[in-house]
């Protein structure tokens, strides 16, 4: 109708029918296939050709190549409800998906049990291939597969509206693997995004456009720059066969030897052996007290403090035995302990303990030289970091009720025994606190809290006790 009206008004206009949907069998009625996501490629190429000044008849010839070389099939995990409808479209249940759903939510070819992304890609591509495309040979039309082995393809993986980027990337990866590894074709151009949507439809469609033996202009206009807001550029394959999206960003390499040379001089005699023994003893004793910590945390927390602390302690001890934890110098020692904590301890406590050790390492790295007092000050800095990032303080009924007094004592006296006594007193004191302003205990009543010490504070006291 639009074409006829334009012609009536004296505007040159020609019609190109896009019928890329492969959900309807060719032999079923005269309705013909629907124009679905492949229409986007037609519009893109036609628009680029028009912008380049091509006359109407040439544009029609170019996009007619496009329509004759592609196929599309959609898959939906949920049906679409049109805004304003009196009822919700609930023909799809949670256990099934629909193969071939249209962009307006029309029923597809069939419903099948939920498939994996790999299975969806395989099913979609096989259906598109089976539907095929029409070619003319010797004046006779026949149906052939959309592509053959070694053909160059442009693939559009289209979000139907409600599918996450994460899911779209998984499906796109599965489609490319199926086309290149199973079918032997070459995906030189890949588009992934929301190009033709259907309200909130949780689904996607795959369009395959065969570029082999197509005109050079078709490919040129497909690759032409486009400033349409919703257009997402092609991910093109380079000459060496790699695709930009599959190239990993290089990992930042740290020059360990250079870092070792820049370590401040250490003025503590026998540090390596002393540190190794203290770390091993602390890890062993902390792990052995898992049951006590679990008992307390079952009452005033979520019950996992003992297990979390034991995981960290076991990991530290194993890495110490393997030589991964460096005890020759405190800067790398606290850094490698933080790494062990990071890989083994979950939850908030794990993050805060890791922060403490990392801050100790970075603080010591800035010293001109390192003595006992510097270690005490570094521990103070680590505890301050827990206060800063965790938001708690003394009296919050957390590990800080043991850490802060211990840090204050160390800075004042550099005496581990005195610090251990302060940590023990601080931990014991949490049993008398009826209110907690941080951690899981914050949700509990006074009656539940009273009489049971904070397990994090008890863990701190146990570690300091093992160092004496």
Protein backbone atom coordinates (compact mmCIF):
# COMPACT_ATOMS: atom_id res chain seq x y z
CA UNK A 1 0.00 0.00 0.00
CA UNK A 2 2.80 2.41 0.87
CA UNK A 3 4.50 1.62 -2.42
CA UNK A 4 1.30 2.29 -4.41
CA UNK A 5 0.66 5.55 -2.57
CA UNK A 6 4.22 6.72 -3.22
CA UNK A 7 3.94 5.91 -6.92
CA UNK A 8 0.59 7.70 -7.04
CA UNK A 9 2.27 10.81 -5.63
CA UNK A 10 4.98 10.62 -8.27
CA UNK A 11 7.75 9.20 -6.08
CA UNK A 12 9.76 6.37 -7.60
CA UNK A 13 9.18 3.34 -5.39
CA UNK A 14 9.83 -0.39 -5.76
CA UNK A 15 8.93 -3.20 -3.40
CA UNK A 16 11.23 -5.90 -2.11
CA UNK A 17 9.66 -8.72 -0.11
CA UNK A 18 11.73 -10.04 2.78
CA UNK A 19 10.74 -13.59 3.65
CA UNK A 20 13.64 -14.94 5.66
CA UNK A 21 11.65 -16.87 8.29
CA UNK A 22 12.37 -20.59 8.04
CA UNK A 23 9.64 -21.66 10.46
CA UNK A 24 6.99 -22.22 7.79
CA UNK A 25 7.36 -25.12 5.37
CA UNK A 26 7.58 -24.03 1.73
CA UNK A 27 4.79 -26.40 0.72
CA UNK A 28 2.34 -25.11 3.32
CA UNK A 29 -0.18 -22.75 1.71
CA UNK A 30 0.36 -19.53 -0.21
CA UNK A 31 0.90 -17.19 2.73
CA UNK A 32 4.67 -17.28 2.38
CA UNK A 33 7.37 -16.86 4.95
CA UNK A 34 7.45 -13.94 7.34
CA UNK A 35 10.03 -11.19 7.22
CA UNK A 36 11.89 -11.34 10.53
CA UNK A 37 15.33 -10.27 11.76
CA UNK A 38 16.90 -10.60 8.30
CA UNK A 39 14.95 -7.45 7.44
CA UNK A 40 17.49 -5.52 9.51
CA UNK A 41 20.31 -6.57 7.17
CA UNK A 42 18.19 -5.58 4.17
CA UNK A 43 17.54 -2.14 5.65
CA UNK A 44 21.23 -1.69 6.55
CA UNK A 45 22.50 -2.58 3.08
CA UNK A 46 19.76 -0.64 1.28
CA UNK A 47 20.41 2.40 3.45
CA UNK A 48 24.16 2.29 2.83
CA UNK A 49 23.60 1.92 -0.91
CA UNK A 50 21.21 4.87 -0.95
CA UNK A 51 23.65 6.97 1.09
CA UNK A 52 26.31 6.15 -1.51
CA UNK A 53 24.06 7.58 -4.24
CA UNK A 54 23.04 4.33 -5.90
CA UNK A 55 19.92 4.56 -8.09
CA UNK A 56 16.74 2.79 -6.99
CA UNK A 57 16.95 -0.12 -9.41
CA UNK A 58 20.51 -0.94 -8.37
CA UNK A 59 19.55 -0.81 -4.70
CA UNK A 60 16.71 -3.24 -5.40
CA UNK A 61 19.08 -5.59 -7.23
CA UNK A 62 21.55 -5.55 -4.33
CA UNK A 63 19.00 -6.17 -1.58
CA UNK A 64 17.29 -8.84 -3.73
CA UNK A 65 20.59 -10.70 -3.49
CA UNK A 66 20.36 -10.39 0.27
CA UNK A 67 16.82 -11.74 0.51
CA UNK A 68 17.70 -14.71 -1.69
CA UNK A 69 20.77 -15.65 0.37
CA UNK A 70 19.58 -15.75 3.95
CA UNK A 71 17.39 -17.54 6.43
CA UNK A 72 16.26 -16.85 10.00
CA UNK A 73 14.76 -18.88 12.81
CA UNK A 74 13.69 -17.67 16.25
CA UNK A 75 13.55 -19.55 19.54
CA UNK A 76 11.61 -18.32 22.59
CA UNK A 77 11.67 -19.39 26.22
CA UNK A 78 8.55 -17.37 26.98
CA UNK A 79 5.57 -16.06 25.05
CA UNK A 80 4.75 -12.41 24.42
CA UNK A 81 1.81 -10.51 25.86
CA UNK A 82 0.82 -7.52 23.74
CA UNK A 83 0.29 -4.36 25.84
CA UNK A 84 -3.41 -3.71 26.37
CA UNK A 85 -4.41 -7.36 25.98
CA UNK A 86 -7.11 -8.59 28.36
CA UNK A 87 -5.29 -11.84 29.11
CA UNK A 88 -1.69 -12.94 29.58
CA UNK A 89 -0.24 -15.13 26.84
CA UNK A 90 0.80 -18.21 28.83
CA UNK A 91 0.90 -20.93 26.21
CA UNK A 92 4.56 -21.67 27.06
CA UNK A 93 5.35 -23.26 30.42
CA UNK A 94 8.71 -23.22 32.20
CA UNK A 95 9.69 -26.64 30.88
CA UNK A 96 9.31 -25.92 27.16
CA UNK A 97 10.64 -23.57 24.50
CA UNK A 98 9.11 -22.67 21.16
CA UNK A 99 10.98 -23.13 17.91
CA UNK A 100 10.05 -20.63 15.23
CA UNK A 101 8.11 -18.04 17.24
CA UNK A 102 7.36 -14.91 15.20
CA UNK A 103 8.35 -11.38 16.18
CA UNK A 104 4.78 -10.57 17.20
CA UNK A 105 4.56 -13.57 19.49
CA UNK A 106 2.87 -15.80 16.91
CA UNK A 107 3.09 -19.51 17.58
CA UNK A 108 6.10 -21.21 16.04
CA UNK A 109 6.70 -24.58 14.43
CA UNK A 110 6.59 -26.63 17.61
CA UNK A 111 7.26 -26.68 21.32
CA UNK A 112 10.06 -28.84 22.68
CA UNK A 113 11.59 -29.44 26.12
CA UNK A 114 14.17 -26.89 27.22
CA UNK A 115 17.44 -27.18 25.27
CA UNK A 116 20.99 -26.06 25.99
CA UNK A 117 22.52 -23.20 24.01
CA UNK A 118 24.52 -25.70 21.94
CA UNK A 119 21.39 -27.69 21.18
CA UNK A 120 19.42 -24.54 20.29
CA UNK A 121 22.18 -23.42 17.91
CA UNK A 122 22.31 -26.84 16.25
CA UNK A 123 18.53 -27.12 15.93
CA UNK A 124 18.23 -23.60 14.53
CA UNK A 125 21.01 -23.97 11.97
CA UNK A 126 19.79 -27.38 10.82
CA UNK A 127 16.26 -26.01 10.35
CA UNK A 128 17.54 -23.04 8.34
CA UNK A 129 19.61 -25.39 6.18
CA UNK A 130 16.67 -27.73 5.64
CA UNK A 131 14.41 -24.83 4.64
CA UNK A 132 17.14 -23.66 2.27
CA UNK A 133 17.10 -20.92 -0.35
CA UNK A 134 15.86 -20.80 -3.93
CA UNK A 135 18.33 -20.59 -6.80
CA UNK A 136 17.75 -20.65 -10.54
CA UNK A 137 19.79 -23.00 -12.73
CA UNK A 138 19.06 -23.12 -16.41
CA UNK A 139 15.79 -21.33 -15.90
CA UNK A 140 14.67 -23.89 -13.35
CA UNK A 141 14.22 -22.92 -9.72
CA UNK A 142 15.30 -25.31 -7.02
CA UNK A 143 15.85 -25.29 -3.27
CA UNK A 144 19.43 -25.67 -2.01
CA UNK A 145 20.96 -25.29 1.47
CA UNK A 146 21.53 -21.71 2.60
CA UNK A 147 25.25 -22.41 2.71
CA UNK A 148 27.78 -25.11 1.94
CA UNK A 149 31.08 -26.13 3.48
CA UNK A 150 33.76 -23.40 3.24
CA UNK A 151 31.18 -20.68 2.47
CA UNK A 152 31.68 -17.26 4.02
CA UNK A 153 28.80 -16.19 6.26
CA UNK A 154 27.41 -13.18 8.05
CA UNK A 155 25.53 -14.25 11.19
CA UNK A 156 23.08 -12.09 13.10
CA UNK A 157 22.14 -13.30 16.60
CA UNK A 158 19.18 -11.12 17.48
CA UNK A 159 17.78 -10.49 20.96
CA UNK A 160 13.98 -10.76 20.87
CA UNK A 161 13.73 -8.32 23.77
CA UNK A 162 14.09 -9.95 27.17
CA UNK A 163 17.31 -11.97 26.90
CA UNK A 164 20.39 -11.00 28.92
CA UNK A 165 23.68 -10.08 27.26
CA UNK A 166 25.21 -13.05 29.06
CA UNK A 167 22.76 -15.48 27.43
CA UNK A 168 23.16 -13.79 24.05
CA UNK A 169 26.93 -14.20 24.15
CA UNK A 170 26.61 -17.88 25.05
CA UNK A 171 24.21 -18.50 22.16
CA UNK A 172 26.36 -16.52 19.71
CA UNK A 173 29.41 -18.54 20.71
CA UNK A 174 27.46 -21.79 20.29
CA UNK A 175 26.20 -20.71 16.85
CA UNK A 176 29.66 -19.79 15.58
CA UNK A 177 31.11 -23.08 16.87
CA UNK A 178 28.34 -25.10 15.20
CA UNK A 179 28.77 -23.28 11.88
CA UNK A 180 32.56 -23.40 11.80
CA UNK A 181 33.41 -26.67 13.54
CA UNK A 182 30.43 -28.87 12.67
CA UNK A 183 29.40 -27.37 9.32
CA UNK A 184 32.81 -26.27 8.05
CA UNK A 185 31.69 -22.75 7.11
CA UNK A 186 33.48 -19.48 7.88
CA UNK A 187 31.71 -16.82 9.96
CA UNK A 188 33.49 -13.67 8.76
CA UNK A 189 30.95 -11.27 10.26
CA UNK A 190 29.03 -11.62 13.50
CA UNK A 191 26.36 -9.27 14.86
CA UNK A 192 24.92 -9.79 18.34
CA UNK A 193 22.35 -7.55 19.96
CA UNK A 194 18.79 -6.21 20.03
CA UNK A 195 18.10 -5.43 16.37
CA UNK A 196 14.48 -6.56 15.99
CA UNK A 197 12.67 -7.08 19.29
CA UNK A 198 9.26 -8.29 20.41
CA UNK A 199 8.45 -6.47 23.67
CA UNK A 200 9.69 -8.56 26.61
CA UNK A 201 10.13 -11.83 24.70
CA UNK A 202 12.78 -14.01 26.33
CA UNK A 203 14.32 -15.47 23.23
CA UNK A 204 16.62 -14.97 20.28
CA UNK A 205 16.81 -15.55 16.55
CA UNK A 206 19.70 -16.56 14.33
CA UNK A 207 20.01 -15.18 10.81
CA UNK A 208 22.50 -16.62 8.33
CA UNK A 209 23.46 -14.57 5.25
CA UNK A 210 25.67 -16.33 2.70
CA UNK A 211 28.33 -13.94 1.36
CA UNK A 212 30.08 -16.41 -0.93
CA UNK A 213 29.73 -15.38 -4.60
CA UNK A 214 27.70 -12.31 -3.62
CA UNK A 215 28.49 -8.99 -5.22
CA UNK A 216 31.35 -6.92 -3.86
CA UNK A 217 28.92 -4.05 -3.35
CA UNK A 218 26.72 -6.14 -1.06
CA UNK A 219 29.63 -6.77 1.29
CA UNK A 220 30.83 -3.17 1.05
CA UNK A 221 27.44 -1.81 2.05
CA UNK A 222 27.09 -4.40 4.82
CA UNK A 223 30.40 -3.18 6.27
CA UNK A 224 29.66 0.52 5.74
CA UNK A 225 29.69 2.72 8.83
CA UNK A 226 26.29 3.35 10.36
CA UNK A 227 25.30 5.97 12.94
CA UNK A 228 21.85 4.59 13.71
CA UNK A 229 21.58 4.56 17.53
CA UNK A 230 20.62 0.87 17.80
CA UNK A 231 23.10 -0.45 15.25
CA UNK A 232 25.88 -2.55 16.74
CA UNK A 233 28.94 -2.93 14.53
CA UNK A 234 29.92 -6.26 13.01
CA UNK A 235 32.52 -8.31 14.81
CA UNK A 236 34.66 -9.02 11.75
CA UNK A 237 37.16 -11.80 11.33
CA UNK A 238 40.69 -10.62 10.54
CA UNK A 239 42.87 -12.02 7.77
CA UNK A 240 44.57 -14.40 10.19
CA UNK A 241 41.23 -15.95 11.13
CA UNK A 242 40.79 -14.38 14.55
CA UNK A 243 37.75 -12.42 15.69
CA UNK A 244 38.26 -9.32 17.85
CA UNK A 245 35.80 -10.50 20.48
CA UNK A 246 37.70 -13.75 21.00
CA UNK A 247 41.11 -12.12 21.56
CA UNK A 248 41.88 -12.01 25.28
CA UNK A 249 43.27 -8.83 26.75
CA UNK A 250 46.90 -9.42 27.73
CA UNK A 251 47.46 -9.98 31.41
CA UNK A 252 49.51 -7.36 33.19
CA UNK A 253 52.84 -8.96 33.97
CA UNK A 254 54.60 -8.09 37.22
CA UNK A 255 58.37 -8.09 37.25
CA UNK A 256 58.88 -10.11 40.43
CA UNK A 257 62.66 -9.73 40.34
CA UNK A 258 62.39 -5.97 40.11
CA UNK A 259 59.88 -5.91 42.95
CA UNK A 260 62.25 -8.01 45.08
CA UNK A 261 65.10 -5.57 44.50
CA UNK A 262 63.01 -2.63 45.70
CA UNK A 263 62.14 -4.18 49.06
CA UNK A 264 63.15 -2.07 52.08
CA UNK A 265 66.06 -3.49 54.08
CA UNK A 266 65.06 -5.72 56.99
CA UNK A 267 66.68 -5.20 60.39
CA UNK A 268 65.11 -8.12 62.28
CA UNK A 269 67.61 -10.91 62.83
CA UNK A 270 66.39 -14.41 61.97
CA UNK A 271 63.11 -13.06 60.58
CA UNK A 272 62.56 -15.82 58.01
CA UNK A 273 62.69 -18.72 60.46
CA UNK A 274 60.75 -16.86 63.16
CA UNK A 275 58.05 -15.83 60.70
CA UNK A 276 57.71 -19.32 59.25
CA UNK A 277 57.24 -20.88 62.68
CA UNK A 278 54.74 -18.25 63.82
CA UNK A 279 52.63 -18.46 60.66
CA UNK A 280 52.59 -22.25 60.74
CA UNK A 281 51.68 -22.34 64.46
CA UNK A 282 48.89 -19.78 64.01
CA UNK A 283 47.40 -21.67 61.05
CA UNK A 284 47.53 -25.02 62.83
CA UNK A 285 45.91 -23.77 66.05
CA UNK A 286 43.25 -21.74 64.24
CA UNK A 287 42.24 -24.77 62.16
CA UNK A 288 42.09 -26.93 65.29
CA UNK A 289 39.57 -24.54 66.87
CA UNK A 290 37.04 -24.82 64.04
CA UNK A 291 34.48 -26.55 66.25
CA UNK A 292 34.60 -23.82 68.92
CA UNK A 293 34.15 -21.04 66.37
CA UNK A 294 31.34 -22.94 64.66
CA UNK A 295 29.57 -23.40 68.00
CA UNK A 296 29.64 -19.68 68.74
CA UNK A 297 28.69 -18.70 65.20
CA UNK A 298 25.76 -21.09 65.16
CA UNK A 299 24.32 -19.06 68.05
CA UNK A 300 25.15 -15.49 66.99
CA UNK A 301 25.83 -15.80 63.25
CA UNK A 302 25.16 -18.00 60.26
CA UNK A 303 27.27 -20.93 61.44
CA UNK A 304 30.11 -20.76 58.92
CA UNK A 305 32.81 -18.80 60.80
CA UNK A 306 34.65 -21.92 61.94
CA UNK A 307 34.66 -23.50 58.49
CA UNK A 308 35.71 -20.23 56.85
CA UNK A 309 38.59 -19.69 59.25
CA UNK A 310 39.71 -23.30 58.92
CA UNK A 311 39.74 -23.07 55.11
CA UNK A 312 41.96 -20.01 55.31
CA UNK A 313 44.25 -21.58 57.89
CA UNK A 314 44.64 -24.82 55.93
CA UNK A 315 45.37 -22.92 52.72
CA UNK A 316 47.99 -20.78 54.44
CA UNK A 317 49.68 -23.82 55.95
CA UNK A 318 49.71 -25.68 52.63
CA UNK A 319 51.17 -22.72 50.77
CA UNK A 320 53.75 -22.22 53.50
CA UNK A 321 54.86 -25.85 53.11
CA UNK A 322 54.98 -25.48 49.32
CA UNK A 323 57.09 -22.34 49.57
CA UNK A 324 54.40 -20.19 47.94
CA UNK A 325 54.15 -17.99 51.01
CA UNK A 326 57.43 -16.07 51.16
CA UNK A 327 58.79 -15.63 54.68
CA UNK A 328 62.16 -14.12 53.81
CA UNK A 329 60.71 -10.60 53.91
CA UNK A 330 57.51 -9.21 55.46
CA UNK A 331 56.31 -7.32 52.33
CA UNK A 332 55.93 -10.41 50.11
CA UNK A 333 54.98 -12.52 53.12
CA UNK A 334 51.87 -10.54 53.97
CA UNK A 335 51.03 -10.20 50.27
CA UNK A 336 51.20 -13.96 49.68
CA UNK A 337 49.19 -14.63 52.85
CA UNK A 338 46.54 -12.26 51.45
CA UNK A 339 46.54 -14.30 48.23
CA UNK A 340 45.96 -17.48 50.23
CA UNK A 341 43.09 -15.87 52.14
CA UNK A 342 41.58 -14.56 48.90
CA UNK A 343 41.49 -18.00 47.30
CA UNK A 344 40.12 -19.86 50.31
CA UNK A 345 38.01 -17.68 52.61
CA UNK A 346 34.57 -16.55 51.52
CA UNK A 347 32.17 -14.05 53.00
CA UNK A 348 32.78 -10.65 54.52
CA UNK A 349 35.31 -11.92 57.04
CA UNK A 350 37.50 -13.33 54.28
CA UNK A 351 37.51 -10.02 52.41
CA UNK A 352 38.34 -8.03 55.54
CA UNK A 353 41.17 -10.35 56.62
CA UNK A 354 42.62 -10.16 53.10
CA UNK A 355 42.40 -6.35 53.20
CA UNK A 356 44.28 -6.30 56.48
CA UNK A 357 47.19 -8.33 55.12
CA UNK A 358 47.34 -6.36 51.86
CA UNK A 359 47.43 -3.08 53.75
CA UNK A 360 50.21 -4.41 55.97
CA UNK A 361 52.24 -5.35 52.90
CA UNK A 362 51.74 -2.03 51.12
CA UNK A 363 52.48 -0.06 54.31
CA UNK A 364 55.76 -1.88 54.89
CA UNK A 365 56.76 -1.48 51.24
CA UNK A 366 56.88 2.29 51.79
CA UNK A 367 59.25 2.09 54.74
CA UNK A 368 62.91 3.11 54.45
CA UNK A 369 63.78 0.07 56.55
CA UNK A 370 61.76 -2.46 58.52
CA UNK A 371 62.11 -3.18 62.20
CA UNK A 372 59.80 -4.53 64.91
CA UNK A 373 58.09 -1.16 65.41
CA UNK A 374 57.36 -0.96 61.69
CA UNK A 375 55.63 -4.34 61.84
CA UNK A 376 53.46 -3.07 64.69
CA UNK A 377 52.57 0.09 62.77
CA UNK A 378 51.76 -1.95 59.67
CA UNK A 379 49.38 -4.10 61.70
CA UNK A 380 47.74 -0.93 63.00
CA UNK A 381 47.31 0.21 59.38
CA UNK A 382 45.77 -3.15 58.45
CA UNK A 383 43.25 -2.92 61.29
CA UNK A 384 42.42 0.66 60.27
CA UNK A 385 41.73 -0.62 56.75
CA UNK A 386 39.20 -3.10 58.15
CA UNK A 387 37.50 -0.24 60.02
CA UNK A 388 37.48 1.94 56.90
CA UNK A 389 36.15 -0.60 54.40
CA UNK A 390 34.01 -2.63 56.77
CA UNK A 391 32.40 0.36 58.48
CA UNK A 392 32.52 -1.18 61.96
CA UNK A 393 34.44 -0.06 65.03
CA UNK A 394 35.17 -1.12 68.61
CA UNK A 395 31.88 -1.93 70.31
CA UNK A 396 30.22 -3.19 67.11
CA UNK A 397 30.60 -6.77 68.35
CA UNK A 398 32.95 -7.89 65.58
CA UNK A 399 36.55 -9.06 65.21
CA UNK A 400 37.56 -5.41 65.66
CA UNK A 401 36.79 -5.69 69.38
CA UNK A 402 39.87 -7.94 69.57
CA UNK A 403 41.92 -6.44 66.73
CA UNK A 404 41.89 -2.80 67.81
CA UNK A 405 43.06 -3.39 71.43
CA UNK A 406 45.75 -5.75 70.14
CA UNK A 407 46.93 -3.17 67.59
CA UNK A 408 46.97 -0.40 70.19
CA UNK A 409 49.02 -2.59 72.49
CA UNK A 410 51.50 -3.56 69.79
CA UNK A 411 52.12 0.02 68.71
CA UNK A 412 52.66 1.02 72.34
CA UNK A 413 54.87 -1.87 73.51
CA UNK A 414 55.85 -4.09 70.52
CA UNK A 415 55.03 -6.98 72.89
CA UNK A 416 53.11 -9.94 71.40
CA UNK A 417 52.15 -11.32 74.82
CA UNK A 418 50.62 -8.02 75.89
CA UNK A 419 48.80 -7.75 72.55
CA UNK A 420 47.49 -11.32 72.92
CA UNK A 421 46.13 -10.50 76.37
CA UNK A 422 44.33 -7.44 75.00
CA UNK A 423 42.89 -9.47 72.13
CA UNK A 424 41.62 -12.13 74.57
CA UNK A 425 40.06 -9.50 76.84
CA UNK A 426 38.42 -7.82 73.87
CA UNK A 427 37.00 -11.09 72.57
CA UNK A 428 35.70 -12.11 75.99
CA UNK A 429 34.11 -8.69 76.34
CA UNK A 430 31.89 -9.26 73.32
CA UNK A 431 29.97 -11.90 75.30
CA UNK A 432 28.67 -9.10 77.52
CA UNK A 433 27.50 -6.94 74.63
CA UNK A 434 23.75 -7.05 74.18
CA UNK A 435 23.73 -5.17 70.89
CA UNK A 436 25.62 -5.61 67.63
CA UNK A 437 25.80 -2.91 64.97
CA UNK A 438 27.53 -4.94 62.28
CA UNK A 439 27.72 -8.48 60.95
CA UNK A 440 25.09 -11.21 61.18
CA UNK A 441 24.67 -10.55 64.89
CA UNK A 442 23.05 -7.22 63.99
CA UNK A 443 19.84 -9.12 63.23
CA UNK A 444 19.66 -10.91 66.56
CA UNK A 445 17.96 -10.09 69.86
CA UNK A 446 19.70 -9.15 73.14
CA UNK A 447 18.71 -12.48 74.67
CA UNK A 448 20.38 -14.40 71.85
CA UNK A 449 23.59 -12.40 71.93
CA UNK A 450 24.22 -12.19 75.67
CA UNK A 451 26.69 -14.74 76.99
CA UNK A 452 28.17 -15.78 73.63
CA UNK A 453 31.35 -14.08 72.36
CA UNK A 454 31.72 -12.93 68.78
CA UNK A 455 33.37 -15.80 66.86
CA UNK A 456 35.44 -13.44 64.68
CA UNK A 457 36.89 -11.78 67.78
CA UNK A 458 37.56 -15.20 69.32
CA UNK A 459 39.43 -16.22 66.15
CA UNK A 460 41.65 -13.14 66.49
CA UNK A 461 42.36 -14.00 70.12
CA UNK A 462 43.25 -17.59 69.17
CA UNK A 463 45.72 -16.40 66.53
CA UNK A 464 47.40 -13.93 68.87
CA UNK A 465 47.56 -16.59 71.61
CA UNK A 466 49.39 -18.90 69.21
CA UNK A 467 52.06 -16.26 68.54
CA UNK A 468 53.27 -16.10 72.14
